[in-house]
């Protein structure tokens, strides 16, 4: 879904979010939001000297040791496993996740265990498990947090204070695009970790736009002054392109091996993108991804328009 650059476009009032003051990278190290439970959730990948039978026994031991604990929130008691809390965290950070991607990345492909957890969370009204029509012939099964799920996640201190979390589905027509951002994140994090980095926070465009719009509004009569707009863009780690400030779909903040805090801005391009919008996103320095069925067409558009950018396949 193309999301064109903008100069000032007030944030949708209906979006529900949780934002807090940002903490330093070193403060986050004690409880990084992106430490993935999946590393202890399932057996090692094939080819690492472990037999199938041994891996299955290891997985069974993990499941037996992951017993539910009682969490008391207001006047309710919730029984939650560590794996269920991890799922709540992942869903909250990305607002909506395709069930197939949650199984692949958060459960190392253990679909049966994920289904058990989702059923348990849905019974306690913490997640909503929905199947939505995304075209005349295709549907997509996704999960989102409920208000109760959001409340539990915040009250159990599962995420750092500066990590926004969301609940509910705001834009059903864009659900396929928004759900794919979780897979996009996983692709980029794999690249970061191969280089010795460590992800510490993820920001969706909702949050980036909200913060940017706030500062643009403070410019008042100077909101059309390109120099002042450029200063605001720079403050938020963005760039002014043709008088507008392009905003990425997703920002991943990460720590380098030298403990420096950096970020990468990611854009999920689709076949509906106009060449002008693609050129603006490329000029802004975003890392561009596309679904496999769209990638070749978008690369052709870039070549025809002589736009210098790389399209990575989702």
Protein backbone atom coordinates (compact mmCIF):
# COMPACT_ATOMS: atom_id res chain seq x y z
CA UNK A 1 0.00 0.00 0.00
CA UNK A 2 1.60 3.23 -1.12
CA UNK A 3 1.88 5.80 1.62
CA UNK A 4 3.02 8.99 -0.02
CA UNK A 5 5.25 11.58 1.61
CA UNK A 6 3.49 14.39 3.39
CA UNK A 7 4.16 17.79 4.87
CA UNK A 8 1.50 17.89 7.58
CA UNK A 9 -1.23 15.31 7.86
CA UNK A 10 -2.80 15.03 11.34
CA UNK A 11 -2.76 11.55 12.83
CA UNK A 12 -5.95 9.51 12.79
CA UNK A 13 -7.77 10.24 16.02
CA UNK A 14 -9.11 6.70 16.31
CA UNK A 15 -5.72 5.03 16.71
CA UNK A 16 -4.96 3.73 20.17
CA UNK A 17 -1.36 3.59 21.28
CA UNK A 18 0.88 3.69 24.32
CA UNK A 19 3.87 6.01 24.28
CA UNK A 20 6.36 6.87 26.98
CA UNK A 21 9.60 8.77 27.31
CA UNK A 22 12.45 7.15 25.47
CA UNK A 23 15.15 5.48 27.52
CA UNK A 24 18.78 5.20 26.57
CA UNK A 25 20.15 2.19 24.77
CA UNK A 26 22.08 1.07 27.82
CA UNK A 27 18.93 1.17 29.94
CA UNK A 28 17.22 -1.05 27.39
CA UNK A 29 19.97 -3.64 27.49
CA UNK A 30 18.63 -5.23 30.63
CA UNK A 31 15.28 -5.97 28.96
CA UNK A 32 15.57 -5.62 25.18
CA UNK A 33 12.16 -5.64 23.47
CA UNK A 34 13.34 -7.85 20.67
CA UNK A 35 14.91 -10.71 22.62
CA UNK A 36 13.08 -13.51 20.90
CA UNK A 37 11.64 -16.26 23.05
CA UNK A 38 11.68 -18.51 20.00
CA UNK A 39 15.35 -19.23 20.57
CA UNK A 40 14.38 -21.27 23.62
CA UNK A 41 10.99 -22.29 22.33
CA UNK A 42 11.80 -24.96 19.79
CA UNK A 43 14.62 -27.34 18.89
CA UNK A 44 17.65 -26.43 16.85
CA UNK A 45 17.38 -26.27 13.10
CA UNK A 46 18.17 -29.43 11.12
CA UNK A 47 21.75 -30.01 10.21
CA UNK A 48 23.29 -29.01 13.52
CA UNK A 49 24.09 -32.51 14.70
CA UNK A 50 20.77 -33.14 16.46
CA UNK A 51 18.48 -35.99 15.43
CA UNK A 52 14.75 -35.54 14.83
CA UNK A 53 13.90 -37.69 17.85
CA UNK A 54 16.22 -35.70 20.12
CA UNK A 55 14.78 -32.42 18.88
CA UNK A 56 11.24 -33.62 19.57
CA UNK A 57 12.22 -34.68 23.11
CA UNK A 58 13.86 -31.29 23.68
CA UNK A 59 10.71 -29.50 22.48
CA UNK A 60 8.55 -31.63 24.76
CA UNK A 61 10.74 -30.75 27.76
CA UNK A 62 10.42 -27.04 26.88
CA UNK A 63 6.64 -27.29 26.74
CA UNK A 64 6.42 -29.15 30.07
CA UNK A 65 8.59 -26.54 31.78
CA UNK A 66 6.53 -23.65 30.39
CA UNK A 67 3.77 -23.84 32.99
CA UNK A 68 1.14 -21.08 33.30
CA UNK A 69 1.62 -18.43 35.97
CA UNK A 70 -1.07 -16.31 37.57
CA UNK A 71 -1.08 -12.58 36.84
CA UNK A 72 -3.46 -10.33 38.77
CA UNK A 73 -4.62 -7.28 36.80
CA UNK A 74 -7.31 -5.17 38.43
CA UNK A 75 -10.09 -7.60 39.35
CA UNK A 76 -9.02 -10.35 36.93
CA UNK A 77 -6.62 -13.25 37.15
CA UNK A 78 -4.88 -14.38 33.97
CA UNK A 79 -3.03 -17.68 33.61
CA UNK A 80 -0.22 -17.16 31.11
CA UNK A 81 2.76 -19.13 29.88
CA UNK A 82 6.01 -17.41 28.93
CA UNK A 83 5.34 -18.27 25.29
CA UNK A 84 1.91 -16.64 25.50
CA UNK A 85 3.40 -13.47 26.98
CA UNK A 86 5.94 -13.45 24.17
CA UNK A 87 3.12 -13.67 21.61
CA UNK A 88 1.29 -10.79 23.28
CA UNK A 89 4.48 -8.74 23.07
CA UNK A 90 5.04 -9.44 19.38
CA UNK A 91 1.43 -8.74 18.45
CA UNK A 92 1.34 -5.55 20.51
CA UNK A 93 4.46 -4.10 18.88
CA UNK A 94 3.20 -4.68 15.33
CA UNK A 95 -0.55 -4.23 15.93
CA UNK A 96 -1.46 -7.06 13.54
CA UNK A 97 0.41 -10.26 12.60
CA UNK A 98 -0.51 -13.03 10.19
CA UNK A 99 -0.93 -16.29 12.10
CA UNK A 100 1.35 -18.13 9.67
CA UNK A 101 4.17 -15.62 10.31
CA UNK A 102 3.69 -15.77 14.08
CA UNK A 103 4.11 -19.55 13.94
CA UNK A 104 7.19 -19.29 11.74
CA UNK A 105 9.11 -16.61 13.59
CA UNK A 106 7.87 -16.63 17.20
CA UNK A 107 7.51 -20.42 17.48
CA UNK A 108 10.20 -21.66 15.09
CA UNK A 109 7.52 -23.28 12.95
CA UNK A 110 5.81 -25.13 15.83
CA UNK A 111 2.30 -24.47 14.55
CA UNK A 112 0.58 -26.78 17.04
CA UNK A 113 2.07 -24.97 20.00
CA UNK A 114 1.18 -21.59 18.58
CA UNK A 115 -2.44 -22.68 18.01
CA UNK A 116 -2.63 -23.83 21.64
CA UNK A 117 -1.35 -20.48 22.87
CA UNK A 118 -3.65 -18.44 20.63
CA UNK A 119 -6.67 -20.44 21.80
CA UNK A 120 -5.68 -19.86 25.43
CA UNK A 121 -5.20 -16.12 24.87
CA UNK A 122 -8.49 -15.82 22.98
CA UNK A 123 -10.37 -17.66 25.76
CA UNK A 124 -9.11 -15.03 28.19
CA UNK A 125 -10.13 -12.24 25.77
CA UNK A 126 -6.53 -11.04 25.36
CA UNK A 127 -6.26 -11.47 21.58
CA UNK A 128 -8.68 -11.43 18.70
CA UNK A 129 -8.22 -14.18 16.11
CA UNK A 130 -9.79 -13.02 12.84
CA UNK A 131 -10.00 -14.24 9.27
CA UNK A 132 -10.41 -11.31 6.86
CA UNK A 133 -11.11 -11.20 3.15
CA UNK A 134 -8.23 -9.50 1.36
CA UNK A 135 -9.48 -10.13 -2.19
CA UNK A 136 -12.37 -11.87 -3.89
CA UNK A 137 -10.65 -15.24 -3.61
CA UNK A 138 -8.21 -14.84 -0.71
CA UNK A 139 -8.52 -14.52 3.05
CA UNK A 140 -5.91 -13.83 5.71
CA UNK A 141 -5.98 -15.04 9.29
CA UNK A 142 -4.51 -12.46 11.67
CA UNK A 143 -4.25 -11.78 15.40
CA UNK A 144 -4.50 -8.46 17.23
CA UNK A 145 -4.51 -7.46 20.88
CA UNK A 146 -7.72 -6.54 22.67
CA UNK A 147 -7.87 -3.71 25.20
CA UNK A 148 -7.48 -6.31 27.94
CA UNK A 149 -4.44 -7.76 26.18
CA UNK A 150 -2.89 -4.30 25.93
CA UNK A 151 -3.53 -3.72 29.64
CA UNK A 152 -1.99 -7.06 30.62
CA UNK A 153 1.08 -6.42 28.49
CA UNK A 154 1.70 -3.04 30.10
CA UNK A 155 1.00 -4.17 33.66
CA UNK A 156 3.34 -7.16 33.45
CA UNK A 157 6.23 -4.95 32.24
CA UNK A 158 6.96 -7.09 29.20
CA UNK A 159 8.21 -4.20 27.07
CA UNK A 160 10.45 -1.18 27.80
CA UNK A 161 8.66 2.07 28.54
CA UNK A 162 9.64 3.62 25.21
CA UNK A 163 8.35 0.73 23.08
CA UNK A 164 4.89 1.65 21.71
CA UNK A 165 2.28 -1.10 21.75
CA UNK A 166 -1.09 -1.15 20.03
CA UNK A 167 -4.43 -2.93 20.13
CA UNK A 168 -7.28 -3.31 17.69
CA UNK A 169 -7.36 -3.18 13.91
CA UNK A 170 -7.49 0.40 12.64
CA UNK A 171 -7.34 -0.03 8.85
CA UNK A 172 -8.87 -3.36 7.75
CA UNK A 173 -8.39 -2.50 4.07
CA UNK A 174 -4.63 -2.36 4.62
CA UNK A 175 -4.40 -5.48 6.76
CA UNK A 176 -2.30 -7.46 4.27
CA UNK A 177 0.26 -4.68 3.99
CA UNK A 178 0.36 -4.05 7.74
CA UNK A 179 0.59 -7.74 8.63
CA UNK A 180 3.53 -8.18 6.23
CA UNK A 181 5.56 -5.67 8.24
CA UNK A 182 6.27 -8.34 10.85
CA UNK A 183 7.88 -10.52 8.19
CA UNK A 184 9.75 -7.48 6.85
CA UNK A 185 11.08 -6.81 10.34
CA UNK A 186 12.29 -10.39 10.70
CA UNK A 187 14.17 -10.17 7.39
CA UNK A 188 15.95 -6.98 8.40
CA UNK A 189 16.73 -8.15 11.94
CA UNK A 190 18.41 -11.24 10.48
CA UNK A 191 20.68 -8.90 8.49
CA UNK A 192 21.40 -6.81 11.59
CA UNK A 193 22.26 -9.83 13.70
CA UNK A 194 24.52 -11.28 11.02
CA UNK A 195 26.54 -8.07 11.33
CA UNK A 196 26.79 -8.44 15.11
CA UNK A 197 24.04 -5.93 15.93
CA UNK A 198 21.11 -6.23 18.33
CA UNK A 199 17.62 -4.78 17.79
CA UNK A 200 16.32 -2.68 20.67
CA UNK A 201 13.12 -1.00 19.45
CA UNK A 202 10.67 -0.94 16.58
CA UNK A 203 8.53 2.03 15.51
CA UNK A 204 5.62 1.87 13.09
CA UNK A 205 4.68 4.76 10.81
CA UNK A 206 1.83 5.62 13.21
CA UNK A 207 4.35 6.67 15.84
CA UNK A 208 6.76 8.34 13.44
CA UNK A 209 3.97 10.43 11.92
CA UNK A 210 2.57 11.38 15.32
CA UNK A 211 5.92 12.65 16.57
CA UNK A 212 6.72 14.39 13.29
CA UNK A 213 3.30 16.06 13.03
CA UNK A 214 3.61 17.33 16.58
CA UNK A 215 6.82 19.19 15.79
CA UNK A 216 5.58 20.43 12.43
CA UNK A 217 2.51 21.90 14.12
CA UNK A 218 4.77 23.81 16.50
CA UNK A 219 6.28 25.67 13.54
CA UNK A 220 3.06 27.65 13.19
CA UNK A 221 3.46 30.24 10.45
CA UNK A 222 6.86 28.81 9.58
CA UNK A 223 5.44 25.42 8.61
CA UNK A 224 6.12 26.16 4.93
CA UNK A 225 9.68 27.33 5.55
CA UNK A 226 11.84 24.62 3.96
CA UNK A 227 14.77 25.31 6.25
CA UNK A 228 12.65 24.86 9.36
CA UNK A 229 10.98 21.77 7.94
CA UNK A 230 14.41 20.38 7.16
CA UNK A 231 15.44 20.92 10.78
CA UNK A 232 12.37 19.02 12.00
CA UNK A 233 13.06 16.19 9.57
CA UNK A 234 16.65 15.95 10.76
CA UNK A 235 15.53 15.87 14.39
CA UNK A 236 13.51 12.75 13.63
CA UNK A 237 16.19 11.10 11.53
CA UNK A 238 14.32 11.79 8.29
CA UNK A 239 15.02 13.82 5.16
CA UNK A 240 13.27 16.59 3.29
CA UNK A 241 12.61 15.51 -0.32
CA UNK A 242 11.02 17.97 -2.79
CA UNK A 243 9.51 19.96 0.07
CA UNK A 244 7.99 16.94 1.81
CA UNK A 245 9.13 14.53 4.51
CA UNK A 246 8.74 10.87 3.47
CA UNK A 247 7.93 8.55 6.37
CA UNK A 248 8.84 4.83 6.26
CA UNK A 249 6.50 1.96 7.07
CA UNK A 250 8.81 0.78 9.80
CA UNK A 251 11.90 1.89 11.71
CA UNK A 252 14.18 -0.57 13.49
CA UNK A 253 16.54 0.85 16.09
CA UNK A 254 19.50 -1.35 16.87
CA UNK A 255 22.76 -1.44 18.75
CA UNK A 256 25.97 -2.04 16.84
CA UNK A 257 28.76 -4.32 18.14
CA UNK A 258 30.42 -1.06 19.31
CA UNK A 259 27.28 -0.25 21.38
CA UNK A 260 26.29 2.65 19.10
CA UNK A 261 22.55 3.21 18.67
CA UNK A 262 21.50 3.40 15.02
CA UNK A 263 18.35 2.87 12.99
CA UNK A 264 17.25 1.65 9.59
CA UNK A 265 14.07 2.83 7.86
CA UNK A 266 12.14 0.20 5.90
CA UNK A 267 9.49 0.52 3.20
CA UNK A 268 7.29 -2.26 1.86
CA UNK A 269 6.63 -1.29 -1.76
CA UNK A 270 3.74 -2.76 -3.73
CA UNK A 271 2.86 -2.92 -7.40
CA UNK A 272 0.53 0.07 -6.86
CA UNK A 273 3.41 2.39 -6.06
CA UNK A 274 3.74 5.34 -8.42
CA UNK A 275 7.24 6.00 -9.78
CA UNK A 276 7.30 9.44 -8.17
CA UNK A 277 6.55 7.96 -4.75
CA UNK A 278 9.22 5.31 -5.20
CA UNK A 279 11.75 7.96 -6.18
CA UNK A 280 10.95 9.97 -3.03
CA UNK A 281 11.30 6.91 -0.79
CA UNK A 282 14.61 6.02 -2.44
CA UNK A 283 15.88 9.60 -2.09
CA UNK A 284 14.97 9.49 1.59
CA UNK A 285 17.37 6.57 2.03
CA UNK A 286 14.81 3.90 2.93
CA UNK A 287 15.62 0.21 2.51
CA UNK A 288 13.03 -0.98 0.00
CA UNK A 289 11.39 -4.40 0.18
CA UNK A 290 8.70 -5.96 -1.99
CA UNK A 291 6.75 -9.19 -2.08
CA UNK A 292 8.18 -11.72 -4.52
CA UNK A 293 5.26 -11.29 -6.92
CA UNK A 294 5.84 -7.51 -7.06
CA UNK A 295 9.63 -7.28 -6.96
CA UNK A 296 10.43 -7.82 -10.65
CA UNK A 297 7.86 -5.26 -11.79
CA UNK A 298 9.12 -2.65 -9.33
CA UNK A 299 12.73 -3.24 -10.36
CA UNK A 300 11.71 -2.68 -13.97
CA UNK A 301 10.04 0.61 -13.03
CA UNK A 302 13.19 1.73 -11.24
CA UNK A 303 15.33 0.90 -14.29
CA UNK A 304 12.98 2.68 -16.69
CA UNK A 305 12.92 5.82 -14.54
CA UNK A 306 16.66 5.58 -13.78
CA UNK A 307 15.96 5.56 -10.04
CA UNK A 308 18.91 4.33 -8.03
CA UNK A 309 17.53 1.94 -5.42
CA UNK A 310 17.68 -1.73 -4.52
CA UNK A 311 14.50 -3.77 -4.12
CA UNK A 312 14.93 -6.61 -1.62
CA UNK A 313 12.52 -9.54 -1.77
CA UNK A 314 10.29 -10.11 1.24
